[in-house]
Structure formats: structure tokens, C-alpha cells
Protein backbone atom coordinates (compact mmCIF):
# COMPACT_ATOMS: atom_id res chain seq x y z
CA MET A 1 112.03 72.13 131.10
CA THR A 2 114.96 73.87 132.78
CA GLN A 3 116.03 70.62 134.42
CA HIS A 4 115.77 68.71 131.16
CA ILE A 5 117.92 71.24 129.30
CA THR A 6 120.45 71.19 132.13
CA GLU A 7 120.67 67.41 131.89
CA ILE A 8 121.03 67.58 128.10
CA ILE A 9 123.95 70.00 128.42
CA LYS A 10 125.64 67.92 131.15
CA GLN A 11 125.28 64.72 129.14
CA ALA A 12 126.60 66.42 126.01
CA GLU A 13 129.59 67.75 127.94
CA LEU A 14 130.28 64.23 129.26
CA GLU A 15 130.35 63.11 125.62
CA LYS A 16 132.79 65.98 124.99
CA LEU A 17 130.42 67.72 122.59
CA ASN A 18 130.83 71.44 121.95
CA TRP A 19 128.68 74.49 121.36
CA ASP A 20 130.57 75.30 118.17
CA PHE A 21 131.39 73.15 115.15
CA TYR A 22 133.05 73.26 111.74
CA GLU A 23 130.25 74.60 109.57
CA ASP A 24 131.82 73.53 106.27
CA ALA A 25 132.24 69.89 107.29
CA GLU A 26 130.71 67.04 105.30
CA ASP A 27 127.17 66.15 106.42
CA VAL A 28 127.34 69.19 108.69
CA GLU A 29 123.60 69.46 109.36
CA GLU A 30 123.38 65.87 110.57
CA TYR A 31 126.53 66.30 112.63
CA ALA A 32 125.37 69.59 114.16
CA ARG A 33 121.98 68.14 115.09
CA LYS A 34 123.40 65.08 116.87
CA LYS A 35 126.93 66.03 117.90
CA THR A 36 126.68 69.57 119.25
CA ILE A 37 125.09 71.00 122.38
CA PRO A 38 122.83 73.44 120.47
CA GLY A 39 121.76 70.59 118.20
CA ARG A 40 120.76 68.47 121.17
CA ILE A 41 118.75 71.37 122.63
CA VAL A 42 116.91 72.08 119.37
CA SER A 43 116.16 68.37 118.84
CA PHE A 44 114.82 68.06 122.39
CA ILE A 45 112.43 70.97 121.90
CA PHE A 46 111.07 69.46 118.68
CA ASP A 47 110.61 66.12 120.44
CA GLU A 48 108.87 67.64 123.47
CA ALA A 49 106.50 70.09 121.77
CA LYS A 50 102.96 68.92 121.05
CA GLU A 51 102.90 70.56 117.63
CA ILE A 52 105.64 71.51 115.18
CA SER A 53 104.33 75.07 115.22
CA ASP A 54 104.80 75.17 119.01
CA ALA A 55 108.38 73.93 118.69
CA GLU A 56 109.13 76.48 116.00
CA LYS A 57 107.89 79.34 118.17
CA ILE A 58 109.79 78.15 121.25
CA ILE A 59 113.01 77.71 119.29
CA GLY A 60 112.44 81.03 117.54
CA LEU A 61 112.11 82.84 120.86
CA LEU A 62 115.07 81.00 122.38
CA THR A 63 117.37 81.95 119.50
CA THR A 64 116.05 85.51 119.64
CA PHE A 65 116.71 85.82 123.37
CA ALA A 66 120.17 84.23 123.12
CA SER A 67 121.28 86.30 120.15
CA ARG A 68 120.06 89.51 121.73
CA ARG A 69 121.89 88.75 124.98
CA CYS A 70 125.18 88.22 123.13
CA LEU A 71 124.92 91.66 121.52
CA VAL A 72 126.62 93.05 124.62
CA CYS A 73 129.75 91.65 122.90
CA TRP A 74 128.84 93.62 119.77
CA PHE A 75 128.21 96.92 121.52
CA LEU A 76 131.53 96.70 123.33
CA TYR A 77 133.08 98.00 120.09
CA CYS A 78 130.29 98.72 117.59
CA LYS A 79 127.60 101.41 117.58
CA ASN A 80 125.40 100.08 114.79
CA GLU A 81 122.00 99.41 116.40
CA PHE A 82 120.61 97.32 113.55
CA PRO A 83 121.28 93.85 115.06
CA LEU A 84 119.41 94.86 118.21
CA PHE A 85 116.56 96.25 116.11
CA VAL A 86 116.35 92.88 114.36
CA ALA A 87 116.37 90.92 117.62
CA ASN A 88 113.64 93.10 119.13
CA SER A 89 111.62 92.78 115.92
CA LEU A 90 111.97 88.99 115.98
CA GLU A 91 110.65 88.85 119.53
CA LYS A 92 107.57 90.80 118.45
CA TYR A 93 107.24 88.67 115.31
CA TRP A 94 107.11 85.39 117.20
CA LEU A 95 104.65 86.64 119.79
CA GLU A 96 102.36 88.74 117.61
CA PHE A 97 102.75 87.96 113.92
CA GLY A 98 103.89 84.37 113.46
CA PRO A 99 103.55 82.31 111.35
CA ASN A 100 103.31 85.07 108.69
CA ARG A 101 106.85 85.03 107.31
CA GLN A 102 106.20 88.02 105.03
CA ILE A 103 106.72 90.21 108.10
CA ILE A 104 110.41 89.25 108.12
CA ASP A 105 112.40 91.66 105.97
CA ASP A 106 115.22 90.13 103.93
CA SER A 107 117.63 92.71 105.36
CA TRP A 108 117.26 90.98 108.73
CA LEU A 109 118.89 87.85 107.28
CA GLU A 110 122.19 89.56 106.51
CA ILE A 111 125.08 89.47 108.97
CA THR A 112 125.89 93.05 109.97
CA GLU A 113 129.57 93.77 109.49
CA PRO A 114 131.33 95.01 112.65
CA THR A 115 132.73 98.50 112.30
CA GLU A 116 134.30 101.09 114.57
CA ASN A 117 134.10 104.76 113.62
CA GLY A 118 133.01 103.76 110.14
CA SER A 119 135.95 101.40 109.51
CA PRO A 120 135.58 97.61 109.28
CA ILE A 121 136.98 95.64 112.20
CA TYR A 122 139.51 93.08 111.02
CA ASP A 123 141.62 92.56 114.13
CA CYS A 124 141.10 90.18 117.06
CA ARG A 125 137.79 91.87 117.89
CA ARG A 126 136.19 90.65 114.68
CA GLN A 127 135.34 87.11 115.73
CA ASP A 128 133.28 87.96 118.82
CA THR A 129 131.50 90.92 117.20
CA HIS A 130 130.87 89.02 113.96
CA SER A 131 129.64 85.99 115.91
CA ALA A 132 127.15 88.19 117.77
CA SER A 133 125.68 89.74 114.64
CA SER A 134 125.69 86.32 112.97
CA ALA A 135 123.68 84.88 115.86
CA VAL A 136 121.00 87.50 115.21
CA ALA A 137 121.05 86.96 111.44
CA HIS A 138 120.66 83.20 111.80
CA ALA A 139 117.83 83.70 114.29
CA ALA A 140 116.14 85.74 111.57
CA ARG A 141 116.90 83.10 108.94
CA TYR A 142 115.33 80.49 111.18
CA ALA A 143 112.20 82.63 111.46
CA LYS A 144 112.09 83.00 107.68
CA LYS A 145 113.03 79.49 106.56
CA ARG A 146 112.28 77.33 109.64
CA SER A 147 115.47 75.34 109.11
CA PRO A 148 116.59 73.87 112.47
CA HIS A 149 120.18 74.21 111.25
CA ASP A 150 119.88 78.00 111.37
CA ALA A 151 118.69 77.74 114.98
CA VAL A 152 121.68 75.56 115.85
CA ILE A 153 124.08 78.04 114.23
CA SER A 154 122.42 80.96 116.01
CA LEU A 155 122.79 79.33 119.43
CA SER A 156 126.33 78.27 118.58
CA HIS A 157 127.40 81.78 117.53
CA ALA A 158 125.83 83.37 120.60
CA PHE A 159 128.00 81.08 122.74
CA ILE A 160 131.10 81.81 120.64
CA ALA A 161 130.60 85.55 121.10
CA PHE A 162 130.69 85.17 124.88
CA ASP A 163 133.46 82.58 124.77
CA ILE A 164 135.78 84.96 122.91
CA SER A 165 134.71 88.39 124.14
CA PRO A 166 136.48 89.95 127.13
CA ILE A 167 133.14 91.27 128.35
CA GLY A 168 132.04 88.29 130.44
CA SER A 169 132.03 84.57 131.17
CA TYR A 170 130.32 82.07 128.90
CA VAL A 171 129.53 80.03 132.02
CA ASN A 172 127.18 82.73 133.30
CA TYR A 173 125.70 82.99 129.81
CA ILE A 174 124.83 79.29 129.83
CA ASP A 175 123.30 79.61 133.31
CA TRP A 176 121.19 82.52 132.06
CA LEU A 177 120.19 80.62 128.91
CA VAL A 178 118.99 77.62 130.90
CA ASN A 179 117.36 79.41 133.85
CA VAL A 180 115.95 82.53 132.20
CA ALA A 181 115.77 82.22 128.41
CA VAL A 182 114.45 78.65 128.26
CA PRO A 183 111.51 79.23 130.67
CA SER A 184 110.60 82.48 128.91
CA ALA A 185 110.66 80.76 125.52
CA PHE A 186 108.50 77.85 126.71
CA ASP A 187 106.08 80.30 128.36
CA LEU A 188 105.87 82.24 125.07
CA GLU A 189 106.38 85.60 126.75
CA TYR A 190 108.22 88.84 126.16
CA MET A 191 111.50 89.20 127.99
CA PRO A 192 111.75 92.51 129.90
CA PRO A 193 115.14 94.25 130.37
CA GLU A 194 115.50 92.99 133.94
CA LYS A 195 115.44 89.41 132.64
CA MET A 196 117.52 90.24 129.59
CA PHE A 197 120.42 91.43 131.75
CA VAL A 198 119.96 89.39 134.94
CA MET A 199 122.93 87.23 136.03
CA ALA A 200 125.29 89.43 134.03
CA ASP A 201 128.93 89.34 135.09
CA PHE A 202 129.69 92.33 132.87
CA GLU A 203 128.84 95.99 132.53
CA ILE A 204 126.03 96.55 130.02
CA PRO A 205 127.36 98.86 127.26
CA SER A 206 125.62 102.23 127.58
CA ILE A 207 124.44 102.27 123.96
CA MET A 208 122.63 98.96 124.54
CA LYS A 209 121.02 100.29 127.72
CA ASN A 210 119.78 103.34 125.83
CA VAL A 211 118.36 101.31 122.94
CA VAL A 212 116.63 98.85 125.28
CA SER A 213 115.10 101.69 127.26
CA ARG A 214 113.51 102.96 124.03
CA LYS A 215 112.16 99.49 123.16
């Protein structure tokens, strides 16, 4: 599957498709599914899976892994641990409780506002931190509603967080997504910290290390 996803990304890049897209555009769901890199990945998984339920679980885990990884961009400035709690809870949900959607609390669906020392962040740091928490929220919305569009947005926002954040390269993030997150999602397995942070070209924020160690 890793090779297939790699080829999908390369082909999409040749077509000059992007990871992000204008979410208020006309016919945005159709456009995002066919004309974005995350949309191509999500469509491929649905096409390849034997059952829709299998595809949903694989996509659910992939969005969970990706959104959790991008929280390093969040913890660079923010101390609120709730997005990481949601991501960890989603991992457990998909592997132990799915398809019971009642497990998913509605609070998980809300995008956590980035703050520093209790004050909202409105400067240039807002887009990467907000994108990171949005990636988690849309991963939760996908788990609750099973709309592929939420999965596409989640993967898109995880990329945006790395693309904008000074913490690390989005290129390494994509390599990690393809070579670590995709196999783990298809194998339907928990992702331990050593896989969560492997291939990192950044320093893991200490608060994230501490939370993960308590997981």
C-alpha cells in the first residue's frame, strides 16, 4: 500500500494538485475528492478496501495518526492538552469501540482555539496552530459522521500545519505519513511513541513528550 500511496501523490503532484484547497468553493466536496492529494488518497482507500467498514477504519486511523503528528505545531505555542486527548481517544475508539459512534463525545468535534497564557492567538502563529487543532476536530467529525470530506479536510489541515509552522519540514511529514502512518492504518494497529515521532526533523515539544508518556 505504501508504494500505491506514493504513486498517487507523485501523480497528483504532476497534475499540480495540492494538499490544501478553498473550502468555501462551489462543489467543494466533489473538487476536494478528485482534485486534491488528500482526496485522491481517501478515494483510493475506499476503492481498495474489501468492505466499506474496513475503509472507514483505515481512513479513521490515518486521519488520527496524521492529526496527532501535526500537534507538535500546536504545542510549540499552546499548552492545552485537549487536542492530544482527542487524538489518543480516537485511536482507541477505532481499534476497540468502532463502529459505536455514541462513544465519540460532541466536544471532540469542536476546533480548540489556540491560546498562549490564557490569551487567544491572533498573530501569524494562529494559522499553523489552528490548522493542527482543526485536523484533530475533523478526524473526530469523520469518526462521528463518516463523511469522507471530513477526512480530506483533516489530512489537508495536518499538512497545512507543517507547511506553515517553523517547527519542521512538510516533506519529512509526507514521508512519515506514507511510510509509517499508512502501513499502521492498514494493519489496524496502535502507533507507539517511537513510530509517532520517527523521522522527525524537529524537537518534540516537552509538553507533548510528557503527555504521550502518560498515554
